Protein backbone atom coordinates (compact mmCIF):
# COMPACT_ATOMS: atom_id res chain seq x y z
CA UNK A 1 16.83 10.69 -9.38
CA UNK A 2 14.15 9.33 -6.97
CA UNK A 3 15.59 7.25 -4.08
CA UNK A 4 13.89 5.59 -1.41
CA UNK A 5 15.44 4.15 1.17
CA UNK A 6 14.10 1.87 3.91
CA UNK A 7 15.49 1.30 7.48
CA UNK A 8 14.97 -0.56 10.57
CA UNK A 9 15.17 -4.28 9.73
CA UNK A 10 16.90 -6.87 11.79
CA UNK A 11 16.24 -9.74 13.83
CA UNK A 12 13.90 -9.69 16.21
CA UNK A 13 11.98 -13.01 18.95
CA UNK A 14 8.57 -13.86 18.14
CA UNK A 15 6.32 -11.32 19.59
CA UNK A 16 8.32 -8.33 19.55
CA UNK A 17 8.31 -5.32 17.59
CA UNK A 18 10.40 -3.55 14.63
CA UNK A 19 9.56 -0.04 13.20
CA UNK A 20 10.97 0.09 9.75
CA UNK A 21 10.86 3.44 7.76
CA UNK A 22 11.35 4.65 4.42
CA UNK A 23 12.72 8.10 3.56
CA UNK A 24 12.03 9.46 -0.18
CA UNK A 25 14.05 12.01 -2.36
CA UNK A 26 13.37 13.38 -5.65
CA UNK A 27 9.86 13.13 -5.53
CA UNK A 28 7.11 15.67 -4.29
CA UNK A 29 6.09 13.56 -1.11
CA UNK A 30 2.99 14.73 0.07
CA UNK A 31 1.57 13.83 -3.41
CA UNK A 32 2.98 10.54 -3.53
CA UNK A 33 1.01 7.40 -2.68
CA UNK A 34 3.54 4.80 -0.50
CA UNK A 35 2.97 0.97 -0.01
CA UNK A 36 5.16 -1.82 1.86
CA UNK A 37 5.53 -5.25 0.30
CA UNK A 38 7.73 -7.99 1.44
CA UNK A 39 9.16 -10.97 -0.35
CA UNK A 40 10.81 -14.07 0.40
CA UNK A 41 12.47 -16.51 -2.06
CA UNK A 42 9.76 -19.43 -1.83
CA UNK A 43 6.84 -16.15 -2.17
CA UNK A 44 6.03 -13.86 -4.50
CA UNK A 45 6.08 -10.20 -3.49
CA UNK A 46 2.97 -9.93 -0.98
CA UNK A 47 1.16 -6.38 -0.17
CA UNK A 48 1.61 -5.16 3.46
CA UNK A 49 0.61 -2.16 3.56
CA UNK A 50 -0.57 0.92 1.85
CA UNK A 51 -1.69 4.78 2.75
CA UNK A 52 -2.55 7.68 1.00
CA UNK A 53 -0.35 10.89 0.68
CA UNK A 54 -1.86 12.92 3.29
CA UNK A 55 -2.05 9.93 5.40
CA UNK A 56 -5.86 9.51 5.76
CA UNK A 57 -6.89 6.18 4.83
CA UNK A 58 -4.81 2.77 5.10
CA UNK A 59 -5.04 -0.73 3.41
CA UNK A 60 -3.32 -3.56 5.63
CA UNK A 61 -3.05 -7.38 3.97
CA UNK A 62 -5.11 -9.95 5.63
CA UNK A 63 -2.15 -11.60 7.12
CA UNK A 64 -0.77 -8.39 9.12
CA UNK A 65 -4.06 -6.80 9.82
CA UNK A 66 -4.60 -5.68 13.70
CA UNK A 67 -0.55 -5.96 14.14
CA UNK A 68 0.99 -3.75 11.25
CA UNK A 69 -0.02 0.05 11.46
CA UNK A 70 1.70 2.46 8.36
CA UNK A 71 2.02 6.09 8.88
CA UNK A 72 3.74 8.97 7.45
CA UNK A 73 5.49 12.19 8.35
CA UNK A 74 5.25 14.53 5.33
CA UNK A 75 7.59 16.98 6.54
CA UNK A 76 10.16 14.15 6.98
CA UNK A 77 9.41 12.41 3.52
CA UNK A 78 9.13 9.73 5.54
CA UNK A 79 7.26 6.93 5.36
CA UNK A 80 6.85 4.24 8.44
CA UNK A 81 5.76 0.62 9.21
CA UNK A 82 5.30 -0.28 12.97
CA UNK A 83 5.25 -4.24 12.98
CA UNK A 84 3.82 -6.06 16.57
CA UNK A 85 3.25 -9.03 17.88
CA UNK A 86 5.74 -10.41 15.08
CA UNK A 87 5.64 -14.18 14.12
CA UNK A 88 8.20 -16.49 12.26
CA UNK A 89 6.00 -16.09 8.82
CA UNK A 90 6.52 -12.08 8.94
CA UNK A 91 10.54 -13.16 8.12
CA UNK A 92 10.91 -11.43 4.52
CA UNK A 93 12.82 -8.85 2.62
CA UNK A 94 10.67 -5.74 3.17
CA UNK A 95 10.76 -2.71 0.52
CA UNK A 96 9.01 0.40 0.35
CA UNK A 97 7.32 1.66 -2.80
CA UNK A 98 5.99 4.67 -4.38
CA UNK A 99 3.67 6.07 -6.80
CA UNK A 100 3.44 9.70 -7.28
CA UNK A 101 0.60 12.15 -8.20
CA UNK A 102 -1.63 9.01 -6.97
CA UNK A 103 -4.44 9.96 -4.74
CA UNK A 104 -5.88 6.46 -3.68
CA UNK A 105 -4.55 3.61 -1.40
CA UNK A 106 -3.04 0.56 -4.23
CA UNK A 107 -2.45 -3.24 -3.26
CA UNK A 108 -0.67 -4.11 -6.19
CA UNK A 109 3.11 -4.44 -6.58
CA UNK A 110 2.44 -3.46 -10.70
CA UNK A 111 1.03 -0.24 -9.51
CA UNK A 112 3.85 1.05 -8.33
CA UNK A 113 6.35 3.20 -9.88
CA UNK A 114 9.39 3.33 -7.58
CA UNK A 115 10.61 0.92 -5.03
CA UNK A 116 13.92 0.76 -2.55
CA UNK A 117 16.50 -2.01 -2.40
CA UNK A 118 14.57 -3.19 1.24
CA UNK A 119 15.07 -4.21 4.63
CA UNK A 120 15.31 -7.71 6.13
CA UNK A 121 13.44 -8.43 8.72
CA UNK A 122 13.77 -12.42 10.56
CA UNK A 123 11.67 -13.35 13.33
CA UNK A 124 13.15 -16.29 15.41
CA UNK A 125 10.61 -19.02 16.96
């Protein structure tokens, strides 16, 4: 049974930082591509970041490039999203996603097989 559990969300002021974590179980994590997405009630699920199974390659959505960084610790089955210089428009539920036995980075939500339940990030102005 695959489980992805996000943590680290919360309320932060504009310009602040948060680090999200996503811990996986039930998959061979070091052979799994991971991604981060976000969604609001008025917006479709938006690509935020992706990372290859070895962590060597990453990709970012245009709206977060230069502010967010994703990384992973395969020994801990955990992927991270470091979010700096947060803005009110970053307010959303953030989800991690997994694509087992996949080498590349993937930007579409349809590419992923498993999802976490999400963690709320709220940035106050």
